[in-house]
Amino acid sequence: MRKLLKSITLLIILFVGVIRGDSVQAQDCANIDLNPVVFHLFHPNPEVSTEFIRLYKQTAIGGDFVCPDTQCETDPFGLLHKITNISNLNNVDNIAYDNGSYYVIDNAGDLLFTDDIITANFTNLGNANIVNGAYKNLALDNGVFYHWQSSGSQIILYNSPNPVNSGWSNLGNVNGLSETVSEGGKTYQLRDIAVHEGVFYFYYYNTNACPSQSCNVDRTLVFSSSTPTNPTPSWQNHGSTYFGYGVRNIAIGSQDLKALAPPVQDLVIECPD
């Protein structure tokens, strides 16, 4: 209820700003959860570096696909998406998102950033110093980055406020999950991670996924826990994300406050208590 009241308060402020013709300067209100959204990037032809990457947005894990911008395209399966200006990534193994900011770790291990994924391109911030170059995964939650790697049979969780300059801190082993899991006679491999408001989401992809649209139902799995490094964490199985074939990245974060109202002048949003 408290979160709902905060969300209503902020939306009223935004609405007043629109009526006044003021400019909304969105702050990172870390204590407000405005209906977290799910993003993923899809490269329709990874062999062609000039092919533009598509951005998909869902209302929840496995939820409806909605337009991530004001005007969208429809893919051959009728799903809304936005063709971005990004064409310099041959493979998209990860994506991190929160409050309108997008990050990826590219094939070279560099951390890339943009706050305008539709019309701009990524800025290279420098080497991400990931612990093992084979594990290019990334998450972002309230200004802190997260990353996992596998060592033997263990998944090890790391975080960093600034991986380029500060490196990563070891948070411990993830318990109750392994790099591969089996369900319904199928084997899934851990690919990416998302974190939102302290909840960790581990994204698995079917090792024998078929390209047919009918396979969306069992192509991916997501498990979540708020205490993944506890000795006996509680895990929730969210089932399939219904992502397309070859999608190995996921991001979950708060709705971009700038997307809730059109640009207006000189009104600063104060984050509610």
C-alpha atoms as a PDB file:
ATOM      1  CA  MET A   1       0.000   0.000   0.000  1.00  0.00           C
ATOM      2  CA  ARG A   2       2.854   2.394   0.864  1.00  0.00           C
ATOM      3  CA  LYS A   3       4.456   1.808  -2.536  1.00  0.00           C
ATOM      4  CA  LEU A   4       1.114   2.358  -4.234  1.00  0.00           C
ATOM      5  CA  LEU A   5       0.629   5.709  -2.483  1.00  0.00           C
ATOM      6  CA  LYS A   6       4.138   6.772  -3.475  1.00  0.00           C
ATOM      7  CA  SER A   7       3.496   5.837  -7.081  1.00  0.00           C
ATOM      8  CA  ILE A   8       0.218   7.767  -7.122  1.00  0.00           C
ATOM      9  CA  THR A   9       1.941  10.787  -5.566  1.00  0.00           C
ATOM     10  CA  LEU A  10       4.653  10.792  -8.204  1.00  0.00           C
ATOM     11  CA  LEU A  11       2.194  10.373 -11.056  1.00  0.00           C
ATOM     12  CA  ILE A  12       0.188  13.344  -9.753  1.00  0.00           C
ATOM     13  CA  ILE A  13       3.366  15.441  -9.707  1.00  0.00           C
ATOM     14  CA  LEU A  14       4.110  14.404 -13.269  1.00  0.00           C
ATOM     15  CA  PHE A  15       0.566  15.217 -14.372  1.00  0.00           C
ATOM     16  CA  VAL A  16       0.733  18.663 -12.772  1.00  0.00           C
ATOM     17  CA  GLY A  17       4.000  19.277 -14.586  1.00  0.00           C
ATOM     18  CA  VAL A  18       2.397  18.445 -17.912  1.00  0.00           C
ATOM     19  CA  ILE A  19      -0.538  20.810 -17.264  1.00  0.00           C
ATOM     20  CA  ARG A  20       1.837  23.636 -16.264  1.00  0.00           C
ATOM     21  CA  GLY A  21       4.105  23.051 -19.235  1.00  0.00           C
ATOM     22  CA  ASP A  22       7.045  22.519 -16.874  1.00  0.00           C
ATOM     23  CA  SER A  23      10.106  20.347 -17.416  1.00  0.00           C
ATOM     24  CA  VAL A  24      10.325  17.193 -15.326  1.00  0.00           C
ATOM     25  CA  GLN A  25      13.847  16.378 -14.186  1.00  0.00           C
ATOM     26  CA  ALA A  26      13.536  12.763 -13.170  1.00  0.00           C
ATOM     27  CA  GLN A  27      15.568  11.678 -10.161  1.00  0.00           C
ATOM     28  CA  ASP A  28      16.532   8.113  -9.344  1.00  0.00           C
ATOM     29  CA  CYS A  29      13.855   7.479  -6.716  1.00  0.00           C
ATOM     30  CA  ALA A  30      15.251   4.201  -5.466  1.00  0.00           C
ATOM     31  CA  ASN A  31      12.439   3.749  -2.943  1.00  0.00           C
ATOM     32  CA  ILE A  32       9.710   3.867  -5.595  1.00  0.00           C
ATOM     33  CA  ASP A  33       8.764   0.759  -7.561  1.00  0.00           C
ATOM     34  CA  LEU A  34       6.696   1.927 -10.515  1.00  0.00           C
ATOM     35  CA  ASN A  35       5.620  -1.435 -11.950  1.00  0.00           C
ATOM     36  CA  PRO A  36       8.963  -2.982 -12.948  1.00  0.00           C
ATOM     37  CA  VAL A  37       9.303  -3.836 -16.616  1.00  0.00           C
ATOM     38  CA  VAL A  38      11.226  -6.555 -18.454  1.00  0.00           C
ATOM     39  CA  PHE A  39      13.514  -5.816 -21.411  1.00  0.00           C
ATOM     40  CA  HIS A  40      15.526  -7.898 -23.810  1.00  0.00           C
ATOM     41  CA  LEU A  41      17.532  -7.206 -26.951  1.00  0.00           C
ATOM     42  CA  PHE A  42      17.243  -9.342 -30.074  1.00  0.00           C
ATOM     43  CA  HIS A  43      19.675  -9.437 -32.980  1.00  0.00           C
ATOM     44  CA  PRO A  44      17.768 -10.797 -36.009  1.00  0.00           C
ATOM     45  CA  ASN A  45      20.998 -11.647 -37.853  1.00  0.00           C
ATOM     46  CA  PRO A  46      24.128 -11.790 -35.636  1.00  0.00           C
ATOM     47  CA  GLU A  47      26.347 -12.513 -38.642  1.00  0.00           C
ATOM     48  CA  VAL A  48      25.552  -9.088 -40.101  1.00  0.00           C
ATOM     49  CA  SER A  49      27.091  -6.363 -37.911  1.00  0.00           C
ATOM     50  CA  THR A  50      25.128  -3.619 -39.690  1.00  0.00           C
ATOM     51  CA  GLU A  51      21.773  -5.175 -38.781  1.00  0.00           C
ATOM     52  CA  PHE A  52      20.003  -3.058 -36.177  1.00  0.00           C
ATOM     53  CA  ILE A  53      19.101  -4.641 -32.838  1.00  0.00           C
ATOM     54  CA  ARG A  54      15.492  -4.788 -31.654  1.00  0.00           C
ATOM     55  CA  LEU A  55      14.318  -3.798 -28.168  1.00  0.00           C
ATOM     56  CA  TYR A  56      11.412  -5.723 -26.634  1.00  0.00           C
ATOM     57  CA  LYS A  57       9.523  -4.759 -23.477  1.00  0.00           C
ATOM     58  CA  GLN A  58       7.168  -6.811 -21.306  1.00  0.00           C
ATOM     59  CA  THR A  59       4.887  -5.865 -18.449  1.00  0.00           C
ATOM     60  CA  ALA A  60       6.212  -8.799 -16.379  1.00  0.00           C
ATOM     61  CA  ILE A  61       8.151 -12.035 -16.781  1.00  0.00           C
ATOM     62  CA  GLY A  62       6.197 -13.938 -19.412  1.00  0.00           C
ATOM     63  CA  GLY A  63       3.767 -11.005 -19.675  1.00  0.00           C
ATOM     64  CA  ASP A  64       2.406  -9.057 -22.606  1.00  0.00           C
ATOM     65  CA  PHE A  65       4.807  -7.435 -25.049  1.00  0.00           C
ATOM     66  CA  VAL A  66       4.214  -3.689 -25.144  1.00  0.00           C
ATOM     67  CA  CYS A  67       5.675  -0.797 -27.096  1.00  0.00           C
ATOM     68  CA  PRO A  68       8.945   0.432 -25.506  1.00  0.00           C
ATOM     69  CA  ASP A  69       8.585   3.837 -27.185  1.00  0.00           C
ATOM     70  CA  THR A  70       5.927   6.074 -28.699  1.00  0.00           C
ATOM     71  CA  GLN A  71       5.880   4.346 -32.089  1.00  0.00           C
ATOM     72  CA  CYS A  72       6.726   0.698 -32.603  1.00  0.00           C
ATOM     73  CA  GLU A  73       7.148  -1.991 -35.213  1.00  0.00           C
ATOM     74  CA  THR A  74       5.593  -5.453 -35.258  1.00  0.00           C
ATOM     75  CA  ASP A  75       7.694  -8.548 -35.838  1.00  0.00           C
ATOM     76  CA  PRO A  76       6.558 -11.490 -38.010  1.00  0.00           C
ATOM     77  CA  PHE A  77       4.866 -13.028 -34.966  1.00  0.00           C
ATOM     78  CA  GLY A  78       2.865  -9.890 -34.170  1.00  0.00           C
ATOM     79  CA  LEU A  79       4.965  -8.806 -31.175  1.00  0.00           C
ATOM     80  CA  LEU A  80       5.578  -5.108 -30.591  1.00  0.00           C
ATOM     81  CA  HIS A  81       9.181  -3.945 -30.491  1.00  0.00           C
ATOM     82  CA  LYS A  82      11.370  -0.983 -31.376  1.00  0.00           C
ATOM     83  CA  ILE A  83      14.241  -1.076 -33.858  1.00  0.00           C
ATOM     84  CA  THR A  84      17.127   0.681 -32.144  1.00  0.00           C
ATOM     85  CA  ASN A  85      20.066   2.558 -33.619  1.00  0.00           C
ATOM     86  CA  ILE A  86      22.457  -0.082 -32.238  1.00  0.00           C
ATOM     87  CA  SER A  87      24.319  -2.036 -34.882  1.00  0.00           C
ATOM     88  CA  ASN A  88      27.771  -2.478 -33.353  1.00  0.00           C
ATOM     89  CA  LEU A  89      27.050  -5.623 -31.322  1.00  0.00           C
ATOM     90  CA  ASN A  90      27.267  -8.953 -33.130  1.00  0.00           C
ATOM     91  CA  ASN A  91      26.014 -10.894 -30.115  1.00  0.00           C
ATOM     92  CA  VAL A  92      23.935  -9.669 -27.200  1.00  0.00           C
ATOM     93  CA  ASP A  93      24.743 -11.886 -24.225  1.00  0.00           C
ATOM     94  CA  ASN A  94      23.521  -9.492 -21.537  1.00  0.00           C
ATOM     95  CA  ILE A  95      21.645  -6.295 -20.776  1.00  0.00           C
ATOM     96  CA  ALA A  96      21.246  -4.298 -17.571  1.00  0.00           C
ATOM     97  CA  TYR A  97      18.588  -1.628 -17.085  1.00  0.00           C
ATOM     98  CA  ASP A  98      17.194   0.705 -14.451  1.00  0.00           C
ATOM     99  CA  ASN A  99      15.385   4.040 -14.588  1.00  0.00           C
ATOM    100  CA  GLY A 100      16.063   4.686 -18.275  1.00  0.00           C
ATOM    101  CA  SER A 101      19.745   3.664 -18.337  1.00  0.00           C
ATOM    102  CA  TYR A 102      20.947   0.650 -20.336  1.00  0.00           C
ATOM    103  CA  TYR A 103      24.290  -1.161 -20.027  1.00  0.00           C
ATOM    104  CA  VAL A 104      25.839  -4.154 -21.757  1.00  0.00           C
ATOM    105  CA  ILE A 105      29.188  -5.939 -21.634  1.00  0.00           C
ATOM    106  CA  ASP A 106      30.363  -6.442 -25.216  1.00  0.00           C
ATOM    107  CA  ASN A 107      32.416  -9.243 -26.748  1.00  0.00           C
ATOM    108  CA  ALA A 108      35.656  -7.469 -25.793  1.00  0.00           C
ATOM    109  CA  GLY A 109      34.594  -7.295 -22.133  1.00  0.00           C
ATOM    110  CA  ASP A 110      33.972  -3.533 -22.186  1.00  0.00           C
ATOM    111  CA  LEU A 111      31.086  -1.877 -20.337  1.00  0.00           C
ATOM    112  CA  LEU A 112      28.827   0.088 -22.691  1.00  0.00           C
ATOM    113  CA  PHE A 113      26.177   2.640 -21.660  1.00  0.00           C
ATOM    114  CA  THR A 114      23.314   4.609 -23.165  1.00  0.00           C
ATOM    115  CA  ASP A 115      20.300   6.486 -21.823  1.00  0.00           C
ATOM    116  CA  ASP A 116      18.815   6.724 -25.332  1.00  0.00           C
ATOM    117  CA  ILE A 117      18.764   3.208 -26.682  1.00  0.00           C
ATOM    118  CA  ILE A 118      16.333   4.046 -29.487  1.00  0.00           C
ATOM    119  CA  THR A 119      18.076   6.852 -31.390  1.00  0.00           C
ATOM    120  CA  ALA A 120      21.603   6.914 -29.943  1.00  0.00           C
ATOM    121  CA  ASN A 121      24.364   4.322 -29.657  1.00  0.00           C
ATOM    122  CA  PHE A 122      26.372   2.913 -26.777  1.00  0.00           C
ATOM    123  CA  THR A 123      29.270   4.795 -25.184  1.00  0.00           C
ATOM    124  CA  ASN A 124      32.258   2.663 -24.200  1.00  0.00           C
ATOM    125  CA  LEU A 125      33.063   3.276 -20.510  1.00  0.00           C
ATOM    126  CA  GLY A 126      36.114   1.010 -20.426  1.00  0.00           C
ATOM    127  CA  ASN A 127      36.912  -2.562 -19.492  1.00  0.00           C
ATOM    128  CA  ALA A 128      34.315  -4.106 -17.163  1.00  0.00           C
ATOM    129  CA  ASN A 129      36.944  -6.230 -15.377  1.00  0.00           C
ATOM    130  CA  ILE A 130      34.645  -9.237 -15.321  1.00  0.00           C
ATOM    131  CA  VAL A 131      36.163 -12.070 -13.350  1.00  0.00           C
ATOM    132  CA  ASN A 132      36.022 -14.600 -16.171  1.00  0.00           C
ATOM    133  CA  GLY A 133      35.689 -13.435 -19.772  1.00  0.00           C
ATOM    134  CA  ALA A 134      33.575 -16.468 -20.624  1.00  0.00           C
ATOM    135  CA  TYR A 135      30.732 -15.187 -18.443  1.00  0.00           C
ATOM    136  CA  LYS A 136      29.427 -11.967 -20.000  1.00  0.00           C
ATOM    137  CA  ASN A 137      26.333 -11.301 -17.895  1.00  0.00           C
ATOM    138  CA  LEU A 138      25.210  -8.152 -16.124  1.00  0.00           C
ATOM    139  CA  ALA A 139      22.527  -6.655 -13.885  1.00  0.00           C
ATOM    140  CA  LEU A 140      21.884  -3.237 -12.328  1.00  0.00           C
ATOM    141  CA  ASP A 141      19.855  -2.341  -9.247  1.00  0.00           C
ATOM    142  CA  ASN A 142      19.797   1.099  -7.611  1.00  0.00           C
ATOM    143  CA  GLY A 143      23.224   2.064  -8.918  1.00  0.00           C
ATOM    144  CA  VAL A 144      24.977  -1.232  -8.137  1.00  0.00           C
ATOM    145  CA  PHE A 145      26.053  -3.703 -10.830  1.00  0.00           C
ATOM    146  CA  TYR A 146      25.876  -7.485 -10.425  1.00  0.00           C
ATOM    147  CA  HIS A 147      27.589 -10.321 -12.264  1.00  0.00           C
ATOM    148  CA  TRP A 148      27.997 -14.066 -11.840  1.00  0.00           C
ATOM    149  CA  GLN A 149      30.576 -16.616 -12.867  1.00  0.00           C
ATOM    150  CA  SER A 150      30.823 -20.360 -12.501  1.00  0.00           C
ATOM    151  CA  SER A 151      33.637 -22.148 -10.689  1.00  0.00           C
ATOM    152  CA  GLY A 152      33.345 -25.901 -10.812  1.00  0.00           C
ATOM    153  CA  SER A 153      29.824 -26.719  -9.662  1.00  0.00           C
ATOM    154  CA  GLN A 154      29.331 -23.351  -7.927  1.00  0.00           C
ATOM    155  CA  ILE A 155      27.812 -20.097  -9.171  1.00  0.00           C
ATOM    156  CA  ILE A 156      29.614 -17.145  -7.596  1.00  0.00           C
ATOM    157  CA  LEU A 157      27.871 -13.778  -7.276  1.00  0.00           C
ATOM    158  CA  TYR A 158      29.712 -10.436  -7.528  1.00  0.00           C
ATOM    159  CA  ASN A 159      28.730  -6.778  -7.269  1.00  0.00           C
ATOM    160  CA  SER A 160      30.324  -3.393  -7.880  1.00  0.00           C
ATOM    161  CA  PRO A 161      29.307   0.286  -7.807  1.00  0.00           C
ATOM    162  CA  ASN A 162      31.785   0.940 -10.638  1.00  0.00           C
ATOM    163  CA  PRO A 163      33.323  -2.151 -12.256  1.00  0.00           C
ATOM    164  CA  VAL A 164      35.506  -0.130 -14.645  1.00  0.00           C
ATOM    165  CA  ASN A 165      37.325   1.706 -11.841  1.00  0.00           C
ATOM    166  CA  SER A 166      36.706  -0.461  -8.776  1.00  0.00           C
ATOM    167  CA  GLY A 167      36.475  -4.038  -9.968  1.00  0.00           C
ATOM    168  CA  TRP A 168      34.119  -6.555  -8.342  1.00  0.00           C
ATOM    169  CA  SER A 169      33.432  -7.807  -4.811  1.00  0.00           C
ATOM    170  CA  ASN A 170      32.676 -11.473  -4.134  1.00  0.00           C
ATOM    171  CA  LEU A 171      29.265 -11.846  -2.450  1.00  0.00           C
ATOM    172  CA  GLY A 172      29.543 -15.605  -2.058  1.00  0.00           C
ATOM    173  CA  ASN A 173      28.162 -18.748  -3.649  1.00  0.00           C
ATOM    174  CA  VAL A 174      24.639 -18.959  -5.029  1.00  0.00           C
ATOM    175  CA  ASN A 175      22.924 -21.900  -3.348  1.00  0.00           C
ATOM    176  CA  GLY A 176      20.112 -24.062  -4.655  1.00  0.00           C
ATOM    177  CA  LEU A 177      20.874 -23.396  -8.335  1.00  0.00           C
ATOM    178  CA  SER A 178      23.521 -24.693 -10.720  1.00  0.00           C
ATOM    179  CA  GLU A 179      24.750 -23.540 -14.103  1.00  0.00           C
ATOM    180  CA  THR A 180      22.506 -26.104 -15.764  1.00  0.00           C
ATOM    181  CA  VAL A 181      19.069 -27.216 -14.589  1.00  0.00           C
ATOM    182  CA  SER A 182      16.613 -29.792 -15.905  1.00  0.00           C
ATOM    183  CA  GLU A 183      12.859 -29.441 -16.080  1.00  0.00           C
ATOM    184  CA  GLY A 184      10.233 -31.269 -18.111  1.00  0.00           C
ATOM    185  CA  GLY A 185      12.863 -33.444 -19.733  1.00  0.00           C
ATOM    186  CA  LYS A 186      14.766 -30.405 -21.029  1.00  0.00           C
ATOM    187  CA  THR A 187      18.119 -28.973 -20.014  1.00  0.00           C
ATOM    188  CA  TYR A 188      18.613 -25.246 -19.457  1.00  0.00           C
ATOM    189  CA  GLN A 189      21.860 -23.295 -19.146  1.00  0.00           C
ATOM    190  CA  LEU A 190      22.265 -20.173 -17.020  1.00  0.00           C
ATOM    191  CA  ARG A 191      22.884 -17.175 -19.283  1.00  0.00           C
ATOM    192  CA  ASP A 192      22.090 -13.786 -17.741  1.00  0.00           C
ATOM    193  CA  ILE A 193      21.039 -12.157 -14.481  1.00  0.00           C
ATOM    194  CA  ALA A 194      18.670  -9.338 -13.518  1.00  0.00           C
ATOM    195  CA  VAL A 195      18.236  -7.661 -10.131  1.00  0.00           C
ATOM    196  CA  HIS A 196      15.355  -5.440  -9.071  1.00  0.00           C
ATOM    197  CA  GLU A 197      14.737  -4.023  -5.595  1.00  0.00           C
ATOM    198  CA  GLY A 198      16.961  -6.651  -4.021  1.00  0.00           C
ATOM    199  CA  VAL A 199      15.418  -9.627  -5.832  1.00  0.00           C
ATOM    200  CA  PHE A 200      17.824 -11.643  -8.019  1.00  0.00           C
ATOM    201  CA  TYR A 201      16.541 -13.200 -11.253  1.00  0.00           C
ATOM    202  CA  PHE A 202      18.593 -15.928 -12.943  1.00  0.00           C
ATOM    203  CA  TYR A 203      17.793 -16.440 -16.622  1.00  0.00           C
ATOM    204  CA  TYR A 204      18.203 -19.890 -18.226  1.00  0.00           C
ATOM    205  CA  TYR A 205      18.069 -20.816 -21.915  1.00  0.00           C
ATOM    206  CA  ASN A 206      17.163 -24.229 -23.339  1.00  0.00           C
ATOM    207  CA  THR A 207      20.326 -25.907 -24.626  1.00  0.00           C
ATOM    208  CA  ASN A 208      18.313 -27.571 -27.416  1.00  0.00           C
ATOM    209  CA  ALA A 209      15.907 -24.751 -28.155  1.00  0.00           C
ATOM    210  CA  CYS A 210      14.083 -24.977 -31.451  1.00  0.00           C
ATOM    211  CA  PRO A 211      13.495 -21.882 -33.627  1.00  0.00           C
ATOM    212  CA  SER A 212       9.747 -22.403 -33.958  1.00  0.00           C
ATOM    213  CA  GLN A 213       7.434 -19.893 -32.294  1.00  0.00           C
ATOM    214  CA  SER A 214       5.675 -22.817 -30.631  1.00  0.00           C
ATOM    215  CA  CYS A 215       8.855 -23.484 -28.623  1.00  0.00           C
ATOM    216  CA  ASN A 216       8.609 -20.150 -26.795  1.00  0.00           C
ATOM    217  CA  VAL A 217       6.722 -21.874 -24.003  1.00  0.00           C
ATOM    218  CA  ASP A 218       9.729 -23.963 -22.932  1.00  0.00           C
ATOM    219  CA  ARG A 219      12.690 -22.087 -24.409  1.00  0.00           C
ATOM    220  CA  THR A 220      13.613 -20.218 -21.216  1.00  0.00           C
ATOM    221  CA  LEU A 221      13.248 -20.331 -17.438  1.00  0.00           C
ATOM    222  CA  VAL A 222      13.672 -17.697 -14.725  1.00  0.00           C
ATOM    223  CA  PHE A 223      14.306 -18.387 -11.039  1.00  0.00           C
ATOM    224  CA  SER A 224      14.288 -15.625  -8.422  1.00  0.00           C
ATOM    225  CA  SER A 225      15.313 -15.163  -4.794  1.00  0.00           C
ATOM    226  CA  SER A 226      16.016 -12.211  -2.516  1.00  0.00           C
ATOM    227  CA  THR A 227      18.649 -14.244  -0.613  1.00  0.00           C
ATOM    228  CA  PRO A 228      20.521 -16.284  -3.244  1.00  0.00           C
ATOM    229  CA  THR A 229      23.713 -16.652  -1.175  1.00  0.00           C
ATOM    230  CA  ASN A 230      21.948 -17.831   1.985  1.00  0.00           C
ATOM    231  CA  PRO A 231      22.610 -21.471   2.928  1.00  0.00           C
ATOM    232  CA  THR A 232      18.990 -22.395   2.130  1.00  0.00           C
ATOM    233  CA  PRO A 233      17.460 -19.701  -0.093  1.00  0.00           C
ATOM    234  CA  SER A 234      13.864 -19.845  -1.241  1.00  0.00           C
ATOM    235  CA  TRP A 235      13.567 -19.936  -5.042  1.00  0.00           C
ATOM    236  CA  GLN A 236      10.560 -19.003  -7.172  1.00  0.00           C
ATOM    237  CA  ASN A 237      10.186 -20.553 -10.622  1.00  0.00           C
ATOM    238  CA  HIS A 238       8.643 -17.951 -12.948  1.00  0.00           C
ATOM    239  CA  GLY A 239       8.473 -20.283 -15.934  1.00  0.00           C
ATOM    240  CA  SER A 240       9.066 -19.086 -19.469  1.00  0.00           C
ATOM    241  CA  THR A 241       9.756 -15.510 -20.530  1.00  0.00           C
ATOM    242  CA  TYR A 242       8.370 -16.309 -24.021  1.00  0.00           C
ATOM    243  CA  PHE A 243      11.439 -14.685 -25.577  1.00  0.00           C
ATOM    244  CA  GLY A 244      12.351 -15.418 -29.182  1.00  0.00           C
ATOM    245  CA  TYR A 245      14.908 -17.879 -30.488  1.00  0.00           C
ATOM    246  CA  GLY A 246      18.509 -17.053 -29.593  1.00  0.00           C
ATOM    247  CA  VAL A 247      17.715 -14.424 -26.927  1.00  0.00           C
ATOM    248  CA  ARG A 248      20.212 -14.865 -24.097  1.00  0.00           C
ATOM    249  CA  ASN A 249      19.753 -11.611 -22.194  1.00  0.00           C
ATOM    250  CA  ILE A 250      17.241 -10.140 -19.751  1.00  0.00           C
ATOM    251  CA  ALA A 251      16.857  -6.938 -17.728  1.00  0.00           C
ATOM    252  CA  ILE A 252      14.276  -5.999 -15.101  1.00  0.00           C
ATOM    253  CA  GLY A 253      13.976  -2.493 -13.691  1.00  0.00           C
ATOM    254  CA  SER A 254      11.815   0.442 -12.731  1.00  0.00           C
ATOM    255  CA  GLN A 255       9.911   2.265 -15.415  1.00  0.00           C
ATOM    256  CA  ASP A 256      11.847   5.252 -16.764  1.00  0.00           C
ATOM    257  CA  LEU A 257      10.252   8.288 -15.047  1.00  0.00           C
ATOM    258  CA  LYS A 258      10.900  10.345 -18.169  1.00  0.00           C
ATOM    259  CA  ALA A 259       8.626   8.012 -20.112  1.00  0.00           C
ATOM    260  CA  LEU A 260       5.638   8.772 -17.866  1.00  0.00           C
ATOM    261  CA  ALA A 261       5.180  12.341 -19.079  1.00  0.00           C
ATOM    262  CA  PRO A 262       6.188  14.366 -22.146  1.00  0.00           C
ATOM    263  CA  PRO A 263       9.091  16.832 -21.805  1.00  0.00           C
ATOM    264  CA  VAL A 264       8.102  20.001 -19.931  1.00  0.00           C
ATOM    265  CA  GLN A 265      10.060  22.912 -18.356  1.00  0.00           C
ATOM    266  CA  ASP A 266      11.840  23.353 -15.013  1.00  0.00           C
ATOM    267  CA  LEU A 267       9.897  21.194 -12.577  1.00  0.00           C
ATOM    268  CA  VAL A 268      12.087  19.073 -10.341  1.00  0.00           C
ATOM    269  CA  ILE A 269      10.477  15.911  -8.969  1.00  0.00           C
ATOM    270  CA  GLU A 270      11.173  15.410  -5.285  1.00  0.00           C
ATOM    271  CA  CYS A 271      11.325  11.736  -4.382  1.00  0.00           C
ATOM    272  CA  PRO A 272       8.597  10.962  -1.818  1.00  0.00           C
ATOM    273  CA  ASP A 273       9.751   9.785   1.602  1.00  0.00           C
END
